[in-house]
All heavy atoms as atom14 arrays in JSON, in Angstrom:
{
  "sequence": "GGSLRLSCAASGFTLDYYTIGWFRQAPGKEREGVSCISNTGYSTYY",
  "atom14_mask": [
    [1, 1, 1, 1, 0, 0, 0, 0, 0, 0, 0, 0, 0, 0],
    [1, 1, 1, 1, 0, 0, 0, 0, 0, 0, 0, 0, 0, 0],
    [1, 1, 1, 1, 1, 1, 0, 0, 0, 0, 0, 0, 0, 0],
    [1, 1, 1, 1, 1, 1, 1, 1, 0, 0, 0, 0, 0, 0],
    [1, 1, 1, 1, 1, 1, 1, 1, 1, 1, 1, 0, 0, 0],
    [1, 1, 1, 1, 1, 1, 1, 1, 0, 0, 0, 0, 0, 0],
    [1, 1, 1, 1, 1, 1, 0, 0, 0, 0, 0, 0, 0, 0],
    [1, 1, 1, 1, 1, 1, 0, 0, 0, 0, 0, 0, 0, 0],
    [1, 1, 1, 1, 1, 0, 0, 0, 0, 0, 0, 0, 0, 0],
    [1, 1, 1, 1, 1, 0, 0, 0, 0, 0, 0, 0, 0, 0],
    [1, 1, 1, 1, 1, 1, 0, 0, 0, 0, 0, 0, 0, 0],
    [1, 1, 1, 1, 0, 0, 0, 0, 0, 0, 0, 0, 0, 0],
    [1, 1, 1, 1, 1, 1, 1, 1, 1, 1, 1, 0, 0, 0],
    [1, 1, 1, 1, 1, 1, 1, 0, 0, 0, 0, 0, 0, 0],
    [1, 1, 1, 1, 1, 1, 1, 1, 0, 0, 0, 0, 0, 0],
    [1, 1, 1, 1, 1, 1, 1, 1, 0, 0, 0, 0, 0, 0],
    [1, 1, 1, 1, 1, 1, 1, 1, 1, 1, 1, 1, 0, 0],
    [1, 1, 1, 1, 1, 1, 1, 1, 1, 1, 1, 1, 0, 0],
    [1, 1, 1, 1, 1, 1, 1, 0, 0, 0, 0, 0, 0, 0],
    [1, 1, 1, 1, 1, 1, 1, 1, 0, 0, 0, 0, 0, 0],
    [1, 1, 1, 1, 0, 0, 0, 0, 0, 0, 0, 0, 0, 0],
    [1, 1, 1, 1, 1, 1, 1, 1, 1, 1, 1, 1, 1, 1],
    [1, 1, 1, 1, 1, 1, 1, 1, 1, 1, 1, 0, 0, 0],
    [1, 1, 1, 1, 1, 1, 1, 1, 1, 1, 1, 0, 0, 0],
    [1, 1, 1, 1, 1, 1, 1, 1, 1, 0, 0, 0, 0, 0],
    [1, 1, 1, 1, 1, 0, 0, 0, 0, 0, 0, 0, 0, 0],
    [1, 1, 1, 1, 1, 1, 1, 0, 0, 0, 0, 0, 0, 0],
    [1, 1, 1, 1, 0, 0, 0, 0, 0, 0, 0, 0, 0, 0],
    [1, 1, 1, 1, 1, 1, 1, 1, 1, 0, 0, 0, 0, 0],
    [1, 1, 1, 1, 1, 1, 1, 1, 1, 0, 0, 0, 0, 0],
    [1, 1, 1, 1, 1, 1, 1, 1, 1, 1, 1, 0, 0, 0],
    [1, 1, 1, 1, 1, 1, 1, 1, 1, 0, 0, 0, 0, 0],
    [1, 1, 1, 1, 0, 0, 0, 0, 0, 0, 0, 0, 0, 0],
    [1, 1, 1, 1, 1, 1, 1, 0, 0, 0, 0, 0, 0, 0],
    [1, 1, 1, 1, 1, 1, 0, 0, 0, 0, 0, 0, 0, 0],
    [1, 1, 1, 1, 1, 1, 0, 0, 0, 0, 0, 0, 0, 0],
    [1, 1, 1, 1, 1, 1, 1, 1, 0, 0, 0, 0, 0, 0],
    [1, 1, 1, 1, 1, 1, 0, 0, 0, 0, 0, 0, 0, 0],
    [1, 1, 1, 1, 1, 1, 1, 1, 0, 0, 0, 0, 0, 0],
    [1, 1, 1, 1, 1, 1, 1, 0, 0, 0, 0, 0, 0, 0],
    [1, 1, 1, 1, 0, 0, 0, 0, 0, 0, 0, 0, 0, 0],
    [1, 1, 1, 1, 1, 1, 1, 1, 1, 1, 1, 1, 0, 0],
    [1, 1, 1, 1, 1, 1, 0, 0, 0, 0, 0, 0, 0, 0],
    [1, 1, 1, 1, 1, 1, 1, 0, 0, 0, 0, 0, 0, 0],
    [1, 1, 1, 1, 1, 1, 1, 1, 1, 1, 1, 1, 0, 0],
    [1, 1, 1, 1, 1, 1, 1, 1, 1, 1, 1, 1, 0, 0]
  ],
  "atom14_positions": [
    [[0.79, -1.21, 0.01], [-0.02, 0.0, 0.02], [0.8, 1.28, 0.0], [0.28, 2.33, -0.16], [0.0, 0.0, 0.0], [0.0, 0.0, 0.0], [0.0, 0.0, 0.0], [0.0, 0.0, 0.0], [0.0, 0.0, 0.0], [0.0, 0.0, 0.0], [0.0, 0.0, 0.0], [0.0, 0.0, 0.0], [0.0, 0.0, 0.0], [0.0, 0.0, 0.0]],
    [[2.15, 1.1, 0.18], [3.0, 2.28, 0.26], [3.44, 2.74, -1.14], [3.0, 2.26, -2.16], [0.0, 0.0, 0.0], [0.0, 0.0, 0.0], [0.0, 0.0, 0.0], [0.0, 0.0, 0.0], [0.0, 0.0, 0.0], [0.0, 0.0, 0.0], [0.0, 0.0, 0.0], [0.0, 0.0, 0.0], [0.0, 0.0, 0.0], [0.0, 0.0, 0.0]],
    [[4.29, 3.78, -1.14], [4.69, 4.43, -2.39], [6.26, 4.57, -2.43], [6.88, 4.69, -1.39], [4.11, 5.8, -2.52], [2.67, 5.71, -2.6], [0.0, 0.0, 0.0], [0.0, 0.0, 0.0], [0.0, 0.0, 0.0], [0.0, 0.0, 0.0], [0.0, 0.0, 0.0], [0.0, 0.0, 0.0], [0.0, 0.0, 0.0], [0.0, 0.0, 0.0]],
    [[6.74, 4.55, -3.64], [8.14, 4.89, -3.91], [8.23, 5.65, -5.2], [7.38, 5.46, -6.1], [9.01, 3.59, -4.03], [9.4, 2.82, -2.81], [10.03, 1.52, -3.12], [10.28, 3.64, -1.81], [0.0, 0.0, 0.0], [0.0, 0.0, 0.0], [0.0, 0.0, 0.0], [0.0, 0.0, 0.0], [0.0, 0.0, 0.0], [0.0, 0.0, 0.0]],
    [[9.25, 6.43, -5.31], [9.52, 7.12, -6.65], [10.93, 6.8, -7.06], [11.89, 7.1, -6.37], [9.38, 8.67, -6.57], [9.45, 9.31, -7.94], [9.23, 10.79, -7.87], [10.4, 11.57, -7.55], [10.62, 12.8, -7.87], [9.77, 13.43, -8.68], [11.73, 13.42, -7.51], [0.0, 0.0, 0.0], [0.0, 0.0, 0.0], [0.0, 0.0, 0.0]],
    [[10.98, 6.14, -8.18], [12.26, 5.78, -8.75], [12.73, 6.85, -9.76], [11.9, 7.48, -10.4], [12.19, 4.45, -9.59], [11.67, 3.24, -8.73], [11.71, 2.0, -9.66], [12.45, 3.02, -7.48], [0.0, 0.0, 0.0], [0.0, 0.0, 0.0], [0.0, 0.0, 0.0], [0.0, 0.0, 0.0], [0.0, 0.0, 0.0], [0.0, 0.0, 0.0]],
    [[14.0, 7.07, -9.78], [14.61, 8.07, -10.71], [15.57, 7.33, -11.64], [16.24, 6.38, -11.18], [15.36, 9.17, -9.97], [14.45, 9.87, -9.16], [0.0, 0.0, 0.0], [0.0, 0.0, 0.0], [0.0, 0.0, 0.0], [0.0, 0.0, 0.0], [0.0, 0.0, 0.0], [0.0, 0.0, 0.0], [0.0, 0.0, 0.0], [0.0, 0.0, 0.0]],
    [[15.69, 7.76, -12.82], [16.62, 7.25, -13.82], [17.35, 8.47, -14.4], [16.76, 9.24, -15.15], [15.91, 6.49, -14.86], [16.95, 6.01, -16.28], [0.0, 0.0, 0.0], [0.0, 0.0, 0.0], [0.0, 0.0, 0.0], [0.0, 0.0, 0.0], [0.0, 0.0, 0.0], [0.0, 0.0, 0.0], [0.0, 0.0, 0.0], [0.0, 0.0, 0.0]],
    [[18.57, 8.68, -14.03], [19.36, 9.81, -14.38], [20.44, 9.4, -15.45], [21.11, 8.41, -15.28], [20.06, 10.5, -13.21], [0.0, 0.0, 0.0], [0.0, 0.0, 0.0], [0.0, 0.0, 0.0], [0.0, 0.0, 0.0], [0.0, 0.0, 0.0], [0.0, 0.0, 0.0], [0.0, 0.0, 0.0], [0.0, 0.0, 0.0], [0.0, 0.0, 0.0]],
    [[20.49, 10.19, -16.48], [21.5, 9.93, -17.57], [22.76, 10.78, -17.4], [22.64, 11.95, -16.97], [20.94, 10.16, -18.95], [0.0, 0.0, 0.0], [0.0, 0.0, 0.0], [0.0, 0.0, 0.0], [0.0, 0.0, 0.0], [0.0, 0.0, 0.0], [0.0, 0.0, 0.0], [0.0, 0.0, 0.0], [0.0, 0.0, 0.0], [0.0, 0.0, 0.0]],
    [[23.9, 10.2, -17.63], [25.11, 11.02, -17.67], [25.88, 10.66, -18.94], [25.87, 9.56, -19.42], [25.94, 10.77, -16.42], [26.36, 9.41, -16.4], [0.0, 0.0, 0.0], [0.0, 0.0, 0.0], [0.0, 0.0, 0.0], [0.0, 0.0, 0.0], [0.0, 0.0, 0.0], [0.0, 0.0, 0.0], [0.0, 0.0, 0.0], [0.0, 0.0, 0.0]],
    [[26.52, 11.67, -19.47], [27.33, 11.48, -20.69], [26.51, 11.62, -21.98], [27.11, 11.6, -23.08], [0.0, 0.0, 0.0], [0.0, 0.0, 0.0], [0.0, 0.0, 0.0], [0.0, 0.0, 0.0], [0.0, 0.0, 0.0], [0.0, 0.0, 0.0], [0.0, 0.0, 0.0], [0.0, 0.0, 0.0], [0.0, 0.0, 0.0], [0.0, 0.0, 0.0]],
    [[25.18, 11.7, -21.88], [24.37, 11.97, -23.07], [23.08, 12.55, -22.6], [22.66, 12.44, -21.44], [24.19, 10.64, -23.88], [23.33, 9.62, -23.18], [22.03, 9.35, -23.63], [23.82, 8.87, -22.1], [21.24, 8.36, -23.0], [23.01, 7.89, -21.47], [21.73, 7.65, -21.93], [0.0, 0.0, 0.0], [0.0, 0.0, 0.0], [0.0, 0.0, 0.0]],
    [[22.34, 13.14, -23.55], [21.07, 13.75, -23.22], [19.88, 12.8, -23.62], [19.97, 12.13, -24.61], [20.87, 15.09, -24.01], [19.58, 15.62, -23.64], [21.01, 14.89, -25.46], [0.0, 0.0, 0.0], [0.0, 0.0, 0.0], [0.0, 0.0, 0.0], [0.0, 0.0, 0.0], [0.0, 0.0, 0.0], [0.0, 0.0, 0.0], [0.0, 0.0, 0.0]],
    [[18.9, 12.78, -22.74], [17.77, 11.89, -22.96], [16.72, 12.45, -23.93], [15.74, 11.76, -24.23], [17.13, 11.52, -21.59], [17.92, 10.66, -20.66], [17.11, 10.45, -19.37], [18.21, 9.32, -21.31], [0.0, 0.0, 0.0], [0.0, 0.0, 0.0], [0.0, 0.0, 0.0], [0.0, 0.0, 0.0], [0.0, 0.0, 0.0], [0.0, 0.0, 0.0]],
    [[16.93, 13.66, -24.37], [15.91, 14.35, -25.12], [15.31, 13.58, -26.25], [14.12, 13.64, -26.6], [16.46, 15.66, -25.73], [16.67, 16.75, -24.61], [16.85, 16.33, -23.48], [16.72, 17.91, -24.99], [0.0, 0.0, 0.0], [0.0, 0.0, 0.0], [0.0, 0.0, 0.0], [0.0, 0.0, 0.0], [0.0, 0.0, 0.0], [0.0, 0.0, 0.0]],
    [[16.19, 12.75, -26.96], [15.74, 12.1, -28.18], [15.47, 10.6, -27.95], [15.38, 9.85, -28.91], [16.81, 12.29, -29.26], [17.11, 13.74, -29.58], [18.32, 14.29, -29.1], [16.18, 14.55, -30.14], [18.56, 15.66, -29.29], [16.41, 15.91, -30.42], [17.57, 16.46, -30.0], [17.87, 17.78, -30.19], [0.0, 0.0, 0.0], [0.0, 0.0, 0.0]],
    [[15.41, 10.2, -26.7], [15.3, 8.8, -26.39], [13.94, 8.42, -25.83], [13.4, 9.17, -24.99], [16.34, 8.4, -25.38], [17.79, 8.34, -25.89], [18.51, 9.47, -26.12], [18.34, 7.11, -26.21], [19.78, 9.42, -26.63], [19.63, 7.04, -26.75], [20.33, 8.21, -26.95], [21.59, 8.12, -27.46], [0.0, 0.0, 0.0], [0.0, 0.0, 0.0]],
    [[13.44, 7.31, -26.3], [12.3, 6.65, -25.56], [12.9, 5.94, -24.36], [13.98, 5.34, -24.45], [11.64, 5.61, -26.43], [11.16, 6.23, -27.63], [10.52, 4.92, -25.71], [0.0, 0.0, 0.0], [0.0, 0.0, 0.0], [0.0, 0.0, 0.0], [0.0, 0.0, 0.0], [0.0, 0.0, 0.0], [0.0, 0.0, 0.0], [0.0, 0.0, 0.0]],
    [[12.27, 6.1, -23.19], [12.74, 5.52, -21.98], [11.73, 4.51, -21.43], [10.51, 4.74, -21.47], [12.88, 6.63, -20.87], [13.73, 7.76, -21.44], [13.57, 5.98, -19.67], [15.15, 7.39, -21.84], [0.0, 0.0, 0.0], [0.0, 0.0, 0.0], [0.0, 0.0, 0.0], [0.0, 0.0, 0.0], [0.0, 0.0, 0.0], [0.0, 0.0, 0.0]],
    [[12.24, 3.44, -20.94], [11.36, 2.39, -20.41], [11.86, 1.97, -19.02], [13.06, 2.02, -18.75], [0.0, 0.0, 0.0], [0.0, 0.0, 0.0], [0.0, 0.0, 0.0], [0.0, 0.0, 0.0], [0.0, 0.0, 0.0], [0.0, 0.0, 0.0], [0.0, 0.0, 0.0], [0.0, 0.0, 0.0], [0.0, 0.0, 0.0], [0.0, 0.0, 0.0]],
    [[10.88, 1.6, -18.23], [11.15, 0.95, -16.93], [10.79, -0.5, -17.04], [9.74, -0.87, -17.56], [10.34, 1.57, -15.78], [10.87, 2.92, -15.28], [10.46, 4.14, -15.68], [11.95, 3.05, -14.39], [11.18, 5.12, -15.04], [12.11, 4.48, -14.21], [12.74, 2.24, -13.63], [13.06, 5.04, -13.39], [13.78, 2.79, -12.85], [13.86, 4.15, -12.69]],
    [[11.72, -1.36, -16.58], [11.51, -2.8, -16.62], [11.77, -3.35, -15.24], [12.35, -2.68, -14.38], [12.51, -3.45, -17.64], [12.35, -2.89, -18.97], [12.91, -1.68, -19.42], [11.64, -3.59, -19.91], [12.75, -1.16, -20.68], [11.43, -3.13, -21.21], [11.98, -1.89, -21.58], [0.0, 0.0, 0.0], [0.0, 0.0, 0.0], [0.0, 0.0, 0.0]],
    [[11.35, -4.57, -14.96], [11.57, -5.15, -13.69], [11.85, -6.67, -13.87], [11.36, -7.29, -14.82], [10.48, -4.92, -12.66], [9.12, -5.61, -13.05], [8.07, -5.15, -12.08], [6.77, -5.74, -12.34], [5.66, -5.44, -11.74], [5.57, -4.47, -10.83], [4.53, -6.08, -12.1], [0.0, 0.0, 0.0], [0.0, 0.0, 0.0], [0.0, 0.0, 0.0]],
    [[12.59, -7.18, -12.9], [12.87, -8.65, -12.93], [12.8, -9.17, -11.5], [13.64, -8.75, -10.65], [14.24, -8.9, -13.6], [14.5, -10.34, -13.76], [15.71, -10.61, -14.7], [16.52, -9.75, -14.89], [15.73, -11.84, -15.27], [0.0, 0.0, 0.0], [0.0, 0.0, 0.0], [0.0, 0.0, 0.0], [0.0, 0.0, 0.0], [0.0, 0.0, 0.0]],
    [[11.88, -10.04, -11.3], [11.75, -10.71, -10.03], [12.55, -11.97, -10.0], [12.79, -12.55, -11.09], [10.25, -11.06, -9.76], [0.0, 0.0, 0.0], [0.0, 0.0, 0.0], [0.0, 0.0, 0.0], [0.0, 0.0, 0.0], [0.0, 0.0, 0.0], [0.0, 0.0, 0.0], [0.0, 0.0, 0.0], [0.0, 0.0, 0.0], [0.0, 0.0, 0.0]],
    [[12.94, -12.54, -8.9], [13.73, -13.79, -8.8], [13.06, -14.96, -9.58], [11.83, -15.19, -9.37], [13.84, -14.07, -7.29], [13.64, -12.75, -6.67], [12.73, -11.99, -7.54], [0.0, 0.0, 0.0], [0.0, 0.0, 0.0], [0.0, 0.0, 0.0], [0.0, 0.0, 0.0], [0.0, 0.0, 0.0], [0.0, 0.0, 0.0], [0.0, 0.0, 0.0]],
    [[13.78, -15.57, -10.46], [13.26, -16.71, -11.13], [12.33, -16.39, -12.3], [11.74, -17.23, -12.96], [0.0, 0.0, 0.0], [0.0, 0.0, 0.0], [0.0, 0.0, 0.0], [0.0, 0.0, 0.0], [0.0, 0.0, 0.0], [0.0, 0.0, 0.0], [0.0, 0.0, 0.0], [0.0, 0.0, 0.0], [0.0, 0.0, 0.0], [0.0, 0.0, 0.0]],
    [[12.18, -15.09, -12.62], [11.3, -14.62, -13.68], [12.07, -13.85, -14.72], [13.13, -13.35, -14.52], [10.15, -13.76, -13.17], [9.22, -14.55, -12.23], [7.95, -13.71, -11.88], [7.03, -14.47, -11.08], [5.83, -13.71, -10.74], [0.0, 0.0, 0.0], [0.0, 0.0, 0.0], [0.0, 0.0, 0.0], [0.0, 0.0, 0.0], [0.0, 0.0, 0.0]],
    [[11.47, -13.76, -15.95], [12.06, -12.97, -16.98], [11.82, -11.45, -16.74], [10.95, -11.03, -16.08], [11.48, -13.35, -18.31], [11.83, -14.75, -18.8], [11.36, -15.04, -20.18], [10.66, -14.21, -20.76], [11.72, -16.12, -20.7], [0.0, 0.0, 0.0], [0.0, 0.0, 0.0], [0.0, 0.0, 0.0], [0.0, 0.0, 0.0], [0.0, 0.0, 0.0]],
    [[12.8, -10.65, -17.3], [12.61, -9.27, -17.24], [11.33, -8.86, -18.02], [11.19, -9.33, -19.14], [13.84, -8.52, -17.78], [13.9, -7.09, -17.4], [15.32, -6.49, -17.76], [16.33, -7.14, -16.95], [17.63, -6.66, -16.95], [17.91, -5.58, -17.71], [18.55, -7.3, -16.26], [0.0, 0.0, 0.0], [0.0, 0.0, 0.0], [0.0, 0.0, 0.0]],
    [[10.58, -7.97, -17.43], [9.32, -7.54, -18.1], [9.18, -6.08, -18.16], [9.73, -5.3, -17.27], [8.13, -8.13, -17.38], [7.94, -7.59, -15.97], [6.63, -8.09, -15.3], [5.88, -8.77, -15.97], [6.44, -7.78, -14.13], [0.0, 0.0, 0.0], [0.0, 0.0, 0.0], [0.0, 0.0, 0.0], [0.0, 0.0, 0.0], [0.0, 0.0, 0.0]],
    [[8.52, -5.54, -19.17], [8.3, -4.11, -19.27], [7.23, -3.69, -18.33], [6.21, -4.29, -18.19], [0.0, 0.0, 0.0], [0.0, 0.0, 0.0], [0.0, 0.0, 0.0], [0.0, 0.0, 0.0], [0.0, 0.0, 0.0], [0.0, 0.0, 0.0], [0.0, 0.0, 0.0], [0.0, 0.0, 0.0], [0.0, 0.0, 0.0], [0.0, 0.0, 0.0]],
    [[7.43, -2.52, -17.73], [6.56, -1.9, -16.78], [5.85, -0.7, -17.37], [4.67, -0.58, -17.32], [7.27, -1.56, -15.44], [6.31, -0.83, -14.5], [7.83, -2.84, -14.77], [0.0, 0.0, 0.0], [0.0, 0.0, 0.0], [0.0, 0.0, 0.0], [0.0, 0.0, 0.0], [0.0, 0.0, 0.0], [0.0, 0.0, 0.0], [0.0, 0.0, 0.0]],
    [[6.68, 0.21, -17.89], [6.14, 1.47, -18.38], [7.17, 2.07, -19.34], [8.37, 1.91, -19.15], [5.83, 2.42, -17.17], [5.34, 3.65, -17.67], [0.0, 0.0, 0.0], [0.0, 0.0, 0.0], [0.0, 0.0, 0.0], [0.0, 0.0, 0.0], [0.0, 0.0, 0.0], [0.0, 0.0, 0.0], [0.0, 0.0, 0.0], [0.0, 0.0, 0.0]],
    [[6.67, 2.81, -20.33], [7.57, 3.52, -21.3], [7.05, 4.93, -21.5], [5.79, 5.21, -21.3], [7.61, 2.78, -22.62], [8.16, 1.06, -22.51], [0.0, 0.0, 0.0], [0.0, 0.0, 0.0], [0.0, 0.0, 0.0], [0.0, 0.0, 0.0], [0.0, 0.0, 0.0], [0.0, 0.0, 0.0], [0.0, 0.0, 0.0], [0.0, 0.0, 0.0]],
    [[7.89, 5.82, -21.85], [7.53, 7.22, -22.2], [8.25, 7.65, -23.47], [9.46, 7.39, -23.6], [7.81, 8.14, -21.03], [7.18, 9.52, -21.28], [9.27, 8.2, -20.67], [7.16, 10.34, -19.98], [0.0, 0.0, 0.0], [0.0, 0.0, 0.0], [0.0, 0.0, 0.0], [0.0, 0.0, 0.0], [0.0, 0.0, 0.0], [0.0, 0.0, 0.0]],
    [[7.54, 8.35, -24.31], [8.15, 8.81, -25.58], [9.16, 9.96, -25.26], [9.18, 10.48, -24.18], [7.04, 9.31, -26.49], [6.4, 10.38, -25.99], [0.0, 0.0, 0.0], [0.0, 0.0, 0.0], [0.0, 0.0, 0.0], [0.0, 0.0, 0.0], [0.0, 0.0, 0.0], [0.0, 0.0, 0.0], [0.0, 0.0, 0.0], [0.0, 0.0, 0.0]],
    [[9.95, 10.29, -26.25], [10.96, 11.34, -26.04], [10.35, 12.68, -25.69], [10.88, 13.46, -24.95], [11.89, 11.46, -27.27], [11.14, 11.9, -28.51], [10.0, 11.44, -28.78], [11.71, 12.82, -29.32], [0.0, 0.0, 0.0], [0.0, 0.0, 0.0], [0.0, 0.0, 0.0], [0.0, 0.0, 0.0], [0.0, 0.0, 0.0], [0.0, 0.0, 0.0]],
    [[9.17, 12.97, -26.23], [8.48, 14.18, -25.88], [7.77, 14.13, -24.55], [7.41, 15.18, -24.02], [7.43, 14.54, -26.93], [6.43, 13.52, -26.96], [8.09, 14.68, -28.37], [0.0, 0.0, 0.0], [0.0, 0.0, 0.0], [0.0, 0.0, 0.0], [0.0, 0.0, 0.0], [0.0, 0.0, 0.0], [0.0, 0.0, 0.0], [0.0, 0.0, 0.0]],
    [[7.46, 12.97, -24.14], [6.66, 12.77, -22.87], [5.15, 12.78, -23.13], [4.41, 12.57, -22.18], [0.0, 0.0, 0.0], [0.0, 0.0, 0.0], [0.0, 0.0, 0.0], [0.0, 0.0, 0.0], [0.0, 0.0, 0.0], [0.0, 0.0, 0.0], [0.0, 0.0, 0.0], [0.0, 0.0, 0.0], [0.0, 0.0, 0.0], [0.0, 0.0, 0.0]],
    [[4.77, 12.95, -24.37], [3.34, 13.02, -24.64], [2.62, 11.64, -24.72], [1.46, 11.56, -24.51], [3.09, 13.69, -25.97], [3.43, 15.17, -25.99], [3.91, 15.78, -27.14], [3.43, 15.96, -24.82], [4.25, 17.12, -27.17], [3.73, 17.25, -24.81], [4.13, 17.88, -25.99], [4.49, 19.23, -25.97], [0.0, 0.0, 0.0], [0.0, 0.0, 0.0]],
    [[3.47, 10.61, -24.89], [2.89, 9.28, -25.04], [3.49, 8.34, -24.01], [4.69, 8.37, -23.71], [3.12, 8.63, -26.44], [2.54, 9.46, -27.43], [0.0, 0.0, 0.0], [0.0, 0.0, 0.0], [0.0, 0.0, 0.0], [0.0, 0.0, 0.0], [0.0, 0.0, 0.0], [0.0, 0.0, 0.0], [0.0, 0.0, 0.0], [0.0, 0.0, 0.0]],
    [[2.61, 7.55, -23.43], [3.09, 6.64, -22.37], [2.44, 5.27, -22.51], [1.43, 5.07, -23.22], [2.74, 7.15, -20.95], [1.34, 7.32, -20.86], [3.51, 8.4, -20.63], [0.0, 0.0, 0.0], [0.0, 0.0, 0.0], [0.0, 0.0, 0.0], [0.0, 0.0, 0.0], [0.0, 0.0, 0.0], [0.0, 0.0, 0.0], [0.0, 0.0, 0.0]],
    [[3.13, 4.27, -21.97], [2.66, 2.86, -22.0], [2.73, 2.37, -20.57], [3.73, 2.61, -19.87], [3.42, 2.05, -22.96], [3.36, 0.51, -22.66], [2.31, -0.25, -23.06], [4.34, -0.09, -21.8], [2.23, -1.61, -22.77], [4.3, -1.4, -21.48], [3.19, -2.15, -21.95], [3.16, -3.48, -21.66], [0.0, 0.0, 0.0], [0.0, 0.0, 0.0]],
    [[1.73, 1.54, -20.16], [1.79, 0.86, -18.88], [1.37, -0.57, -19.07], [0.43, -0.87, -19.73], [0.86, 1.52, -17.87], [1.24, 2.92, -17.5], [0.65, 4.03, -18.16], [2.17, 3.19, -16.51], [1.0, 5.31, -17.83], [2.54, 4.49, -16.19], [1.97, 5.54, -16.87], [2.3, 6.87, -16.56], [0.0, 0.0, 0.0], [0.0, 0.0, 0.0]]
  ]
}
């Protein structure tokens, strides 16, 4: 029921032109997509 905020910071390059995704991997499971955001931020996936 609680909350957390994850951050993903880039260094050495700018994220402006990149699609960014969050993925997760639980023990014994494959890595799966959680959420994505377009380079403009206007489009998202969950």
